[in-house]
C-alpha cells in the first residue's frame, strides 16, 4: 500500500491490487476488469439450470466445446503461477476450472442417463473427488504463492501476463515469453472451442438445451475485458504499440471469441422456433416409456 512510487495514484487500487492507477482511465480499467471477472464467474450457472431443466445437455453441447474451454482455463491457471499473479486471481482461475469440471460432470451424467446406463453416480463421484483434490492442492499452492510472491499487476480476466519490466520498451523477458506462449495457446483453445458448438447447433437446427445466458455473459465479460486492457495507460517509457503487443494474445482471445459468440447468438435467433431433431424426440419418448 505504499504510494511513494505512485504519488498521484488511487490508494484503494494500490492496497488491493498493488497497481498504480494514476487517473480515471486506469481506475476504469480496473473496475471493468473486476466486472468482467464477475461475468465469467456467473456464466456457468444458467447452463447448469438449463441442463437440469431439459435433460439433453449431452446432445445440446459439444464435448469438444467443453474440453477446449477447460483446456484454456487450465492454461490460465498454470500461467497464474508462472506470471506471479495475485492470490485473488489464482483463486479466480481455480474457480473457472472447477466450473468447467462441473459442466463436464453434468455432460457425462446426462450422456450415461440418456443411454440408459447405470454409471452416472460413479462418474459424478469421480468428478467430485477430482474437484475436491484440485481445490485442496491449489489452495495450498496459492497460500505458498501469496507468501513468496511480490506485488503483481492486475490483469482482469488474463492471468498469464508476466509483470512488465521497468523499461516497457525493452524486449520480452524470459518470463514474459513463457507467459506470452501459454497465453497464445490458451487463446487458440478458447477460439477453437466455439467451432464445434457452432457446428453442433447447425447440425441440430436447434439450440434447445443450451443457455443463451452462458454466451451472453461470456460476451459481456470478453467485451469488458478487452476495453479494460485498451483503457489501461502504458507503463512509463512504453509506447501504445508495445503495450498492445504485450497483451495481443489475450486481446485476440477475448475479441476473437466475442466474434464467434456473435455467430452463436445469430444461431439462437435463427433456431429460436426450432425443435430438436427427430432422433432426439424419439430418444426422449423412449426414455419416457422406459421410466413409465
C-alpha atoms as a PDB file:
ATOM      1  CA  UNK A   1       0.000   0.000   0.000  1.00  0.00           C
ATOM      2  CA  UNK A   2       2.994   2.352  -0.238  1.00  0.00           C
ATOM      3  CA  UNK A   3       2.251   5.167  -2.697  1.00  0.00           C
ATOM      4  CA  UNK A   4       5.804   6.520  -2.759  1.00  0.00           C
ATOM      5  CA  UNK A   5       6.337   5.147  -6.265  1.00  0.00           C
ATOM      6  CA  UNK A   6       2.841   6.255  -7.317  1.00  0.00           C
ATOM      7  CA  UNK A   7       2.237   9.650  -5.666  1.00  0.00           C
ATOM      8  CA  UNK A   8      -0.881  10.522  -7.642  1.00  0.00           C
ATOM      9  CA  UNK A   9      -2.368   7.025  -7.694  1.00  0.00           C
ATOM     10  CA  UNK A  10      -5.538   5.633  -6.180  1.00  0.00           C
ATOM     11  CA  UNK A  11      -4.893   4.271  -2.700  1.00  0.00           C
ATOM     12  CA  UNK A  12      -7.561   1.543  -2.781  1.00  0.00           C
ATOM     13  CA  UNK A  13      -6.257   0.180  -6.077  1.00  0.00           C
ATOM     14  CA  UNK A  14      -2.730   0.143  -4.690  1.00  0.00           C
ATOM     15  CA  UNK A  15      -3.851  -1.502  -1.422  1.00  0.00           C
ATOM     16  CA  UNK A  16      -5.923  -4.244  -3.103  1.00  0.00           C
ATOM     17  CA  UNK A  17      -4.105  -4.894  -6.393  1.00  0.00           C
ATOM     18  CA  UNK A  18      -0.659  -3.335  -5.880  1.00  0.00           C
ATOM     19  CA  UNK A  19      -1.150  -1.438  -9.124  1.00  0.00           C
ATOM     20  CA  UNK A  20      -0.551   2.213  -9.825  1.00  0.00           C
ATOM     21  CA  UNK A  21      -3.764   3.800 -11.109  1.00  0.00           C
ATOM     22  CA  UNK A  22      -2.772   7.358 -11.936  1.00  0.00           C
ATOM     23  CA  UNK A  23      -6.015   8.678 -13.386  1.00  0.00           C
ATOM     24  CA  UNK A  24      -9.647   7.888 -14.156  1.00  0.00           C
ATOM     25  CA  UNK A  25      -8.617   5.856 -17.189  1.00  0.00           C
ATOM     26  CA  UNK A  26      -6.583   3.455 -15.062  1.00  0.00           C
ATOM     27  CA  UNK A  27      -9.317   3.187 -12.412  1.00  0.00           C
ATOM     28  CA  UNK A  28     -11.935   2.492 -15.092  1.00  0.00           C
ATOM     29  CA  UNK A  29      -9.674  -0.264 -16.443  1.00  0.00           C
ATOM     30  CA  UNK A  30      -9.506  -1.931 -13.023  1.00  0.00           C
ATOM     31  CA  UNK A  31     -13.267  -1.647 -12.415  1.00  0.00           C
ATOM     32  CA  UNK A  32     -14.123  -3.058 -15.846  1.00  0.00           C
ATOM     33  CA  UNK A  33     -11.679  -5.898 -15.253  1.00  0.00           C
ATOM     34  CA  UNK A  34     -13.415  -6.746 -11.972  1.00  0.00           C
ATOM     35  CA  UNK A  35     -16.856  -6.689 -13.617  1.00  0.00           C
ATOM     36  CA  UNK A  36     -15.565  -8.947 -16.404  1.00  0.00           C
ATOM     37  CA  UNK A  37     -14.371 -11.466 -13.792  1.00  0.00           C
ATOM     38  CA  UNK A  38     -17.853 -11.438 -12.247  1.00  0.00           C
ATOM     39  CA  UNK A  39     -19.435 -12.068 -15.661  1.00  0.00           C
ATOM     40  CA  UNK A  40     -17.153 -15.045 -16.329  1.00  0.00           C
ATOM     41  CA  UNK A  41     -17.745 -16.405 -12.820  1.00  0.00           C
ATOM     42  CA  UNK A  42     -21.542 -16.242 -13.184  1.00  0.00           C
ATOM     43  CA  UNK A  43     -21.684 -17.531 -16.762  1.00  0.00           C
ATOM     44  CA  UNK A  44     -21.886 -21.241 -15.897  1.00  0.00           C
ATOM     45  CA  UNK A  45     -24.918 -21.082 -13.598  1.00  0.00           C
ATOM     46  CA  UNK A  46     -27.555 -20.534 -16.339  1.00  0.00           C
ATOM     47  CA  UNK A  47     -26.200 -23.570 -18.200  1.00  0.00           C
ATOM     48  CA  UNK A  48     -26.359 -25.682 -15.032  1.00  0.00           C
ATOM     49  CA  UNK A  49     -30.040 -24.750 -14.679  1.00  0.00           C
ATOM     50  CA  UNK A  50     -30.744 -25.356 -18.362  1.00  0.00           C
ATOM     51  CA  UNK A  51     -29.091 -28.780 -18.176  1.00  0.00           C
ATOM     52  CA  UNK A  52     -31.257 -29.857 -15.228  1.00  0.00           C
ATOM     53  CA  UNK A  53     -34.369 -28.415 -16.868  1.00  0.00           C
ATOM     54  CA  UNK A  54     -34.072 -30.032 -20.306  1.00  0.00           C
ATOM     55  CA  UNK A  55     -32.008 -33.143 -19.571  1.00  0.00           C
ATOM     56  CA  UNK A  56     -30.417 -33.143 -23.047  1.00  0.00           C
ATOM     57  CA  UNK A  57     -27.133 -31.436 -22.267  1.00  0.00           C
ATOM     58  CA  UNK A  58     -25.180 -34.270 -23.906  1.00  0.00           C
ATOM     59  CA  UNK A  59     -26.880 -33.520 -27.235  1.00  0.00           C
ATOM     60  CA  UNK A  60     -27.093 -29.752 -26.899  1.00  0.00           C
ATOM     61  CA  UNK A  61     -23.433 -29.045 -26.106  1.00  0.00           C
ATOM     62  CA  UNK A  62     -20.386 -30.266 -27.978  1.00  0.00           C
ATOM     63  CA  UNK A  63     -17.891 -32.208 -25.873  1.00  0.00           C
ATOM     64  CA  UNK A  64     -15.098 -30.502 -27.827  1.00  0.00           C
ATOM     65  CA  UNK A  65     -16.505 -27.120 -26.818  1.00  0.00           C
ATOM     66  CA  UNK A  66     -16.328 -28.126 -23.144  1.00  0.00           C
ATOM     67  CA  UNK A  67     -12.866 -29.671 -23.460  1.00  0.00           C
ATOM     68  CA  UNK A  68     -11.495 -26.657 -25.314  1.00  0.00           C
ATOM     69  CA  UNK A  69     -12.868 -24.332 -22.667  1.00  0.00           C
ATOM     70  CA  UNK A  70     -11.381 -26.491 -19.914  1.00  0.00           C
ATOM     71  CA  UNK A  71      -8.014 -26.544 -21.699  1.00  0.00           C
ATOM     72  CA  UNK A  72      -7.947 -22.762 -21.960  1.00  0.00           C
ATOM     73  CA  UNK A  73      -8.817 -22.326 -18.291  1.00  0.00           C
ATOM     74  CA  UNK A  74      -6.208 -24.890 -17.232  1.00  0.00           C
ATOM     75  CA  UNK A  75      -3.527 -22.950 -19.100  1.00  0.00           C
ATOM     76  CA  UNK A  76      -4.862 -19.804 -17.452  1.00  0.00           C
ATOM     77  CA  UNK A  77      -4.369 -21.461 -14.080  1.00  0.00           C
ATOM     78  CA  UNK A  78      -0.833 -22.600 -14.926  1.00  0.00           C
ATOM     79  CA  UNK A  79       0.023 -19.137 -16.177  1.00  0.00           C
ATOM     80  CA  UNK A  80      -1.255 -17.529 -12.985  1.00  0.00           C
ATOM     81  CA  UNK A  81       1.591 -19.246 -11.124  1.00  0.00           C
ATOM     82  CA  UNK A  82       4.239 -18.685 -13.792  1.00  0.00           C
ATOM     83  CA  UNK A  83       3.422 -14.983 -14.041  1.00  0.00           C
ATOM     84  CA  UNK A  84       3.357 -14.368 -10.258  1.00  0.00           C
ATOM     85  CA  UNK A  85      -0.237 -13.206 -10.114  1.00  0.00           C
ATOM     86  CA  UNK A  86      -2.179 -12.117  -7.043  1.00  0.00           C
ATOM     87  CA  UNK A  87      -3.861 -14.782  -4.859  1.00  0.00           C
ATOM     88  CA  UNK A  88      -7.271 -13.338  -5.820  1.00  0.00           C
ATOM     89  CA  UNK A  89      -6.529 -14.036  -9.465  1.00  0.00           C
ATOM     90  CA  UNK A  90      -5.190 -17.517  -8.693  1.00  0.00           C
ATOM     91  CA  UNK A  91      -8.380 -18.439  -6.850  1.00  0.00           C
ATOM     92  CA  UNK A  92     -10.446 -16.992  -9.688  1.00  0.00           C
ATOM     93  CA  UNK A  93      -8.587 -19.230 -12.133  1.00  0.00           C
ATOM     94  CA  UNK A  94      -9.256 -22.203  -9.847  1.00  0.00           C
ATOM     95  CA  UNK A  95     -12.953 -21.352  -9.865  1.00  0.00           C
ATOM     96  CA  UNK A  96     -13.043 -21.304 -13.670  1.00  0.00           C
ATOM     97  CA  UNK A  97     -11.510 -24.783 -13.813  1.00  0.00           C
ATOM     98  CA  UNK A  98     -13.899 -26.149 -11.184  1.00  0.00           C
ATOM     99  CA  UNK A  99     -16.906 -24.706 -13.028  1.00  0.00           C
ATOM    100  CA  UNK A 100     -15.690 -26.423 -16.211  1.00  0.00           C
ATOM    101  CA  UNK A 101     -15.360 -29.725 -14.345  1.00  0.00           C
ATOM    102  CA  UNK A 102     -18.898 -29.416 -13.001  1.00  0.00           C
ATOM    103  CA  UNK A 103     -20.188 -28.785 -16.512  1.00  0.00           C
ATOM    104  CA  UNK A 104     -18.278 -31.800 -17.810  1.00  0.00           C
ATOM    105  CA  UNK A 105     -19.718 -33.845 -14.959  1.00  0.00           C
ATOM    106  CA  UNK A 106     -23.241 -32.851 -15.963  1.00  0.00           C
ATOM    107  CA  UNK A 107     -22.464 -33.687 -19.578  1.00  0.00           C
ATOM    108  CA  UNK A 108     -21.261 -37.176 -18.629  1.00  0.00           C
ATOM    109  CA  UNK A 109     -24.212 -37.679 -16.288  1.00  0.00           C
ATOM    110  CA  UNK A 110     -26.784 -36.979 -18.993  1.00  0.00           C
ATOM    111  CA  UNK A 111     -24.762 -38.878 -21.569  1.00  0.00           C
ATOM    112  CA  UNK A 112     -24.980 -42.006 -19.430  1.00  0.00           C
ATOM    113  CA  UNK A 113     -28.545 -41.368 -18.273  1.00  0.00           C
ATOM    114  CA  UNK A 114     -29.934 -40.831 -21.774  1.00  0.00           C
ATOM    115  CA  UNK A 115     -28.284 -44.044 -22.914  1.00  0.00           C
ATOM    116  CA  UNK A 116     -29.958 -45.954 -20.115  1.00  0.00           C
ATOM    117  CA  UNK A 117     -26.710 -46.808 -18.317  1.00  0.00           C
ATOM    118  CA  UNK A 118     -26.254 -47.094 -14.585  1.00  0.00           C
ATOM    119  CA  UNK A 119     -22.881 -45.417 -14.228  1.00  0.00           C
ATOM    120  CA  UNK A 120     -23.980 -41.828 -13.624  1.00  0.00           C
ATOM    121  CA  UNK A 121     -23.337 -41.946  -9.877  1.00  0.00           C
ATOM    122  CA  UNK A 122     -19.750 -43.282 -10.154  1.00  0.00           C
ATOM    123  CA  UNK A 123     -18.917 -40.679 -12.812  1.00  0.00           C
ATOM    124  CA  UNK A 124     -20.268 -37.856 -10.656  1.00  0.00           C
ATOM    125  CA  UNK A 125     -18.406 -39.195  -7.620  1.00  0.00           C
ATOM    126  CA  UNK A 126     -15.159 -39.297  -9.615  1.00  0.00           C
ATOM    127  CA  UNK A 127     -15.580 -35.682 -10.734  1.00  0.00           C
ATOM    128  CA  UNK A 128     -16.465 -34.626  -7.183  1.00  0.00           C
ATOM    129  CA  UNK A 129     -13.323 -36.126  -5.685  1.00  0.00           C
ATOM    130  CA  UNK A 130     -11.223 -34.773  -8.560  1.00  0.00           C
ATOM    131  CA  UNK A 131     -12.600 -31.293  -7.953  1.00  0.00           C
ATOM    132  CA  UNK A 132     -12.091 -31.580  -4.203  1.00  0.00           C
ATOM    133  CA  UNK A 133      -8.492 -32.674  -4.682  1.00  0.00           C
ATOM    134  CA  UNK A 134      -7.807 -29.794  -7.062  1.00  0.00           C
ATOM    135  CA  UNK A 135      -9.281 -27.254  -4.645  1.00  0.00           C
ATOM    136  CA  UNK A 136      -7.147 -28.567  -1.788  1.00  0.00           C
ATOM    137  CA  UNK A 137      -3.960 -28.695  -3.860  1.00  0.00           C
ATOM    138  CA  UNK A 138      -4.309 -25.280  -5.478  1.00  0.00           C
ATOM    139  CA  UNK A 139      -5.398 -23.642  -2.218  1.00  0.00           C
ATOM    140  CA  UNK A 140      -2.204 -24.900  -0.618  1.00  0.00           C
ATOM    141  CA  UNK A 141      -0.122 -23.675  -3.555  1.00  0.00           C
ATOM    142  CA  UNK A 142      -1.972 -20.363  -3.531  1.00  0.00           C
ATOM    143  CA  UNK A 143      -1.128 -19.746   0.120  1.00  0.00           C
ATOM    144  CA  UNK A 144       2.504 -20.502  -0.601  1.00  0.00           C
ATOM    145  CA  UNK A 145       2.450 -18.227  -3.626  1.00  0.00           C
ATOM    146  CA  UNK A 146       0.911 -15.417  -1.566  1.00  0.00           C
ATOM    147  CA  UNK A 147       3.889 -15.541   0.792  1.00  0.00           C
ATOM    148  CA  UNK A 148       6.561 -15.942  -1.869  1.00  0.00           C
ATOM    149  CA  UNK A 149       5.267 -13.506  -4.476  1.00  0.00           C
ATOM    150  CA  UNK A 150       5.871  -9.802  -4.520  1.00  0.00           C
ATOM    151  CA  UNK A 151       3.462  -7.168  -5.798  1.00  0.00           C
ATOM    152  CA  UNK A 152       1.778  -8.145  -9.072  1.00  0.00           C
ATOM    153  CA  UNK A 153      -0.200  -6.324 -11.679  1.00  0.00           C
ATOM    154  CA  UNK A 154      -3.964  -6.641 -12.004  1.00  0.00           C
ATOM    155  CA  UNK A 155      -4.772  -8.081 -15.416  1.00  0.00           C
ATOM    156  CA  UNK A 156      -8.521  -8.729 -15.277  1.00  0.00           C
ATOM    157  CA  UNK A 157      -9.518 -11.962 -16.970  1.00  0.00           C
ATOM    158  CA  UNK A 158      -5.976 -12.548 -18.226  1.00  0.00           C
ATOM    159  CA  UNK A 159      -3.882 -14.366 -15.663  1.00  0.00           C
ATOM    160  CA  UNK A 160      -0.949 -15.020 -17.913  1.00  0.00           C
ATOM    161  CA  UNK A 161       0.651 -11.644 -18.474  1.00  0.00           C
ATOM    162  CA  UNK A 162       4.053 -11.514 -16.842  1.00  0.00           C
ATOM    163  CA  UNK A 163       4.911  -8.351 -14.904  1.00  0.00           C
ATOM    164  CA  UNK A 164       6.377  -5.708 -17.165  1.00  0.00           C
ATOM    165  CA  UNK A 165       9.949  -4.612 -16.617  1.00  0.00           C
ATOM    166  CA  UNK A 166      10.769  -1.062 -15.668  1.00  0.00           C
ATOM    167  CA  UNK A 167      11.516  -0.077 -19.229  1.00  0.00           C
ATOM    168  CA  UNK A 168       8.400  -1.202 -21.077  1.00  0.00           C
ATOM    169  CA  UNK A 169      10.024  -0.707 -24.469  1.00  0.00           C
ATOM    170  CA  UNK A 170      12.662  -3.353 -23.723  1.00  0.00           C
ATOM    171  CA  UNK A 171      12.335  -6.761 -25.435  1.00  0.00           C
ATOM    172  CA  UNK A 172      10.347  -9.534 -23.792  1.00  0.00           C
ATOM    173  CA  UNK A 173      11.888 -11.066 -20.708  1.00  0.00           C
ATOM    174  CA  UNK A 174      12.092 -14.833 -20.345  1.00  0.00           C
ATOM    175  CA  UNK A 175       9.092 -14.836 -18.010  1.00  0.00           C
ATOM    176  CA  UNK A 176       7.105 -12.722 -20.455  1.00  0.00           C
ATOM    177  CA  UNK A 177       7.957 -15.077 -23.328  1.00  0.00           C
ATOM    178  CA  UNK A 178       6.666 -18.058 -21.319  1.00  0.00           C
ATOM    179  CA  UNK A 179       3.503 -16.188 -20.376  1.00  0.00           C
ATOM    180  CA  UNK A 180       3.067 -14.951 -23.951  1.00  0.00           C
ATOM    181  CA  UNK A 181       3.374 -18.503 -25.315  1.00  0.00           C
ATOM    182  CA  UNK A 182       0.952 -20.016 -22.820  1.00  0.00           C
ATOM    183  CA  UNK A 183      -1.457 -17.144 -23.342  1.00  0.00           C
ATOM    184  CA  UNK A 184      -1.349 -17.669 -27.102  1.00  0.00           C
ATOM    185  CA  UNK A 185      -2.137 -21.386 -26.748  1.00  0.00           C
ATOM    186  CA  UNK A 186      -4.918 -20.590 -24.293  1.00  0.00           C
ATOM    187  CA  UNK A 187      -6.441 -18.080 -26.718  1.00  0.00           C
ATOM    188  CA  UNK A 188      -6.307 -20.624 -29.549  1.00  0.00           C
ATOM    189  CA  UNK A 189      -8.126 -23.176 -27.372  1.00  0.00           C
ATOM    190  CA  UNK A 190     -10.814 -20.638 -26.492  1.00  0.00           C
ATOM    191  CA  UNK A 191     -11.259 -19.814 -30.161  1.00  0.00           C
ATOM    192  CA  UNK A 192     -11.295 -23.424 -31.354  1.00  0.00           C
ATOM    193  CA  UNK A 193     -13.791 -24.447 -28.668  1.00  0.00           C
ATOM    194  CA  UNK A 194     -16.544 -22.385 -30.302  1.00  0.00           C
ATOM    195  CA  UNK A 195     -16.313 -24.034 -33.721  1.00  0.00           C
ATOM    196  CA  UNK A 196     -17.647 -27.482 -32.602  1.00  0.00           C
ATOM    197  CA  UNK A 197     -20.543 -25.804 -30.787  1.00  0.00           C
ATOM    198  CA  UNK A 198     -21.445 -23.762 -33.853  1.00  0.00           C
ATOM    199  CA  UNK A 199     -21.409 -26.969 -35.902  1.00  0.00           C
ATOM    200  CA  UNK A 200     -23.498 -28.827 -33.289  1.00  0.00           C
ATOM    201  CA  UNK A 201     -26.148 -26.090 -33.331  1.00  0.00           C
ATOM    202  CA  UNK A 202     -26.172 -26.104 -37.132  1.00  0.00           C
ATOM    203  CA  UNK A 203     -26.483 -29.892 -37.331  1.00  0.00           C
ATOM    204  CA  UNK A 204     -29.335 -29.987 -34.807  1.00  0.00           C
ATOM    205  CA  UNK A 205     -31.025 -26.891 -36.268  1.00  0.00           C
ATOM    206  CA  UNK A 206     -31.864 -26.138 -32.656  1.00  0.00           C
ATOM    207  CA  UNK A 207     -30.392 -24.514 -29.575  1.00  0.00           C
ATOM    208  CA  UNK A 208     -32.707 -26.231 -27.084  1.00  0.00           C
ATOM    209  CA  UNK A 209     -30.696 -27.363 -24.086  1.00  0.00           C
ATOM    210  CA  UNK A 210     -28.152 -24.551 -24.481  1.00  0.00           C
ATOM    211  CA  UNK A 211     -28.468 -21.479 -22.289  1.00  0.00           C
ATOM    212  CA  UNK A 212     -28.041 -18.235 -24.157  1.00  0.00           C
ATOM    213  CA  UNK A 213     -27.232 -16.523 -20.858  1.00  0.00           C
ATOM    214  CA  UNK A 214     -23.995 -18.536 -20.803  1.00  0.00           C
ATOM    215  CA  UNK A 215     -22.815 -16.960 -24.053  1.00  0.00           C
ATOM    216  CA  UNK A 216     -24.321 -13.543 -23.255  1.00  0.00           C
ATOM    217  CA  UNK A 217     -22.360 -13.286 -20.008  1.00  0.00           C
ATOM    218  CA  UNK A 218     -19.179 -14.515 -21.686  1.00  0.00           C
ATOM    219  CA  UNK A 219     -19.663 -11.958 -24.467  1.00  0.00           C
ATOM    220  CA  UNK A 220     -20.144  -9.210 -21.903  1.00  0.00           C
ATOM    221  CA  UNK A 221     -17.093 -10.397 -19.965  1.00  0.00           C
ATOM    222  CA  UNK A 222     -14.901 -10.505 -23.069  1.00  0.00           C
ATOM    223  CA  UNK A 223     -16.090  -7.062 -24.163  1.00  0.00           C
ATOM    224  CA  UNK A 224     -15.390  -5.523 -20.763  1.00  0.00           C
ATOM    225  CA  UNK A 225     -12.025  -7.248 -20.544  1.00  0.00           C
ATOM    226  CA  UNK A 226     -10.963  -6.019 -23.993  1.00  0.00           C
ATOM    227  CA  UNK A 227     -11.986  -2.464 -23.117  1.00  0.00           C
ATOM    228  CA  UNK A 228     -10.232  -2.666 -19.731  1.00  0.00           C
ATOM    229  CA  UNK A 229      -6.960  -3.689 -21.397  1.00  0.00           C
ATOM    230  CA  UNK A 230      -7.191  -0.950 -24.014  1.00  0.00           C
ATOM    231  CA  UNK A 231      -8.056   1.683 -21.399  1.00  0.00           C
ATOM    232  CA  UNK A 232      -5.004   0.964 -19.242  1.00  0.00           C
ATOM    233  CA  UNK A 233      -2.221   3.500 -19.597  1.00  0.00           C
ATOM    234  CA  UNK A 234       1.071   2.010 -20.849  1.00  0.00           C
ATOM    235  CA  UNK A 235       3.968   1.701 -18.432  1.00  0.00           C
ATOM    236  CA  UNK A 236       6.405   4.660 -18.260  1.00  0.00           C
ATOM    237  CA  UNK A 237       8.625   4.574 -21.320  1.00  0.00           C
ATOM    238  CA  UNK A 238       6.335   2.118 -23.112  1.00  0.00           C
ATOM    239  CA  UNK A 239       4.566   3.138 -26.299  1.00  0.00           C
ATOM    240  CA  UNK A 240       0.985   2.284 -27.190  1.00  0.00           C
ATOM    241  CA  UNK A 241       2.177  -0.160 -29.836  1.00  0.00           C
ATOM    242  CA  UNK A 242       4.458  -2.025 -27.422  1.00  0.00           C
ATOM    243  CA  UNK A 243       1.667  -2.160 -24.843  1.00  0.00           C
ATOM    244  CA  UNK A 244      -0.807  -3.687 -27.318  1.00  0.00           C
ATOM    245  CA  UNK A 245       1.842  -6.167 -28.470  1.00  0.00           C
ATOM    246  CA  UNK A 246       2.440  -7.356 -24.895  1.00  0.00           C
ATOM    247  CA  UNK A 247      -1.297  -8.025 -24.493  1.00  0.00           C
ATOM    248  CA  UNK A 248      -2.027  -9.197 -28.046  1.00  0.00           C
ATOM    249  CA  UNK A 249      -2.750 -12.903 -27.287  1.00  0.00           C
ATOM    250  CA  UNK A 250      -5.398 -12.016 -24.717  1.00  0.00           C
ATOM    251  CA  UNK A 251      -6.922  -9.307 -26.854  1.00  0.00           C
ATOM    252  CA  UNK A 252      -7.167 -11.757 -29.751  1.00  0.00           C
ATOM    253  CA  UNK A 253      -8.566 -14.397 -27.425  1.00  0.00           C
ATOM    254  CA  UNK A 254     -11.234 -12.129 -25.926  1.00  0.00           C
ATOM    255  CA  UNK A 255     -12.280 -10.214 -29.046  1.00  0.00           C
ATOM    256  CA  UNK A 256     -11.902 -13.257 -31.321  1.00  0.00           C
ATOM    257  CA  UNK A 257     -14.098 -15.385 -29.072  1.00  0.00           C
ATOM    258  CA  UNK A 258     -16.533 -12.474 -28.945  1.00  0.00           C
ATOM    259  CA  UNK A 259     -16.926 -12.580 -32.731  1.00  0.00           C
ATOM    260  CA  UNK A 260     -17.628 -16.338 -32.683  1.00  0.00           C
ATOM    261  CA  UNK A 261     -20.129 -15.908 -29.843  1.00  0.00           C
ATOM    262  CA  UNK A 262     -21.920 -13.378 -32.041  1.00  0.00           C
ATOM    263  CA  UNK A 263     -22.312 -16.173 -34.613  1.00  0.00           C
ATOM    264  CA  UNK A 264     -23.811 -18.396 -31.910  1.00  0.00           C
ATOM    265  CA  UNK A 265     -26.147 -15.539 -30.981  1.00  0.00           C
ATOM    266  CA  UNK A 266     -27.421 -15.431 -34.554  1.00  0.00           C
ATOM    267  CA  UNK A 267     -27.982 -19.183 -34.337  1.00  0.00           C
ATOM    268  CA  UNK A 268     -30.169 -18.645 -31.277  1.00  0.00           C
ATOM    269  CA  UNK A 269     -32.211 -16.167 -33.301  1.00  0.00           C
ATOM    270  CA  UNK A 270     -32.400 -18.424 -36.360  1.00  0.00           C
ATOM    271  CA  UNK A 271     -33.328 -21.552 -34.405  1.00  0.00           C
ATOM    272  CA  UNK A 272     -35.442 -19.919 -31.674  1.00  0.00           C
ATOM    273  CA  UNK A 273     -38.559 -21.666 -33.029  1.00  0.00           C
ATOM    274  CA  UNK A 274     -36.655 -24.791 -33.888  1.00  0.00           C
ATOM    275  CA  UNK A 275     -37.276 -28.154 -32.313  1.00  0.00           C
ATOM    276  CA  UNK A 276     -34.859 -30.947 -31.546  1.00  0.00           C
ATOM    277  CA  UNK A 277     -34.196 -33.355 -34.375  1.00  0.00           C
ATOM    278  CA  UNK A 278     -36.457 -36.367 -34.929  1.00  0.00           C
ATOM    279  CA  UNK A 279     -33.855 -38.640 -33.386  1.00  0.00           C
ATOM    280  CA  UNK A 280     -33.766 -36.577 -30.198  1.00  0.00           C
ATOM    281  CA  UNK A 281     -37.568 -36.614 -29.972  1.00  0.00           C
ATOM    282  CA  UNK A 282     -37.579 -40.389 -30.443  1.00  0.00           C
ATOM    283  CA  UNK A 283     -34.907 -40.842 -27.766  1.00  0.00           C
ATOM    284  CA  UNK A 284     -36.862 -38.639 -25.364  1.00  0.00           C
ATOM    285  CA  UNK A 285     -40.065 -40.604 -25.968  1.00  0.00           C
ATOM    286  CA  UNK A 286     -38.258 -43.900 -25.472  1.00  0.00           C
ATOM    287  CA  UNK A 287     -36.793 -42.540 -22.249  1.00  0.00           C
ATOM    288  CA  UNK A 288     -40.239 -41.572 -21.010  1.00  0.00           C
ATOM    289  CA  UNK A 289     -41.650 -45.010 -21.878  1.00  0.00           C
ATOM    290  CA  UNK A 290     -38.767 -46.642 -20.081  1.00  0.00           C
ATOM    291  CA  UNK A 291     -39.419 -44.572 -16.958  1.00  0.00           C
ATOM    292  CA  UNK A 292     -43.115 -45.460 -17.043  1.00  0.00           C
END
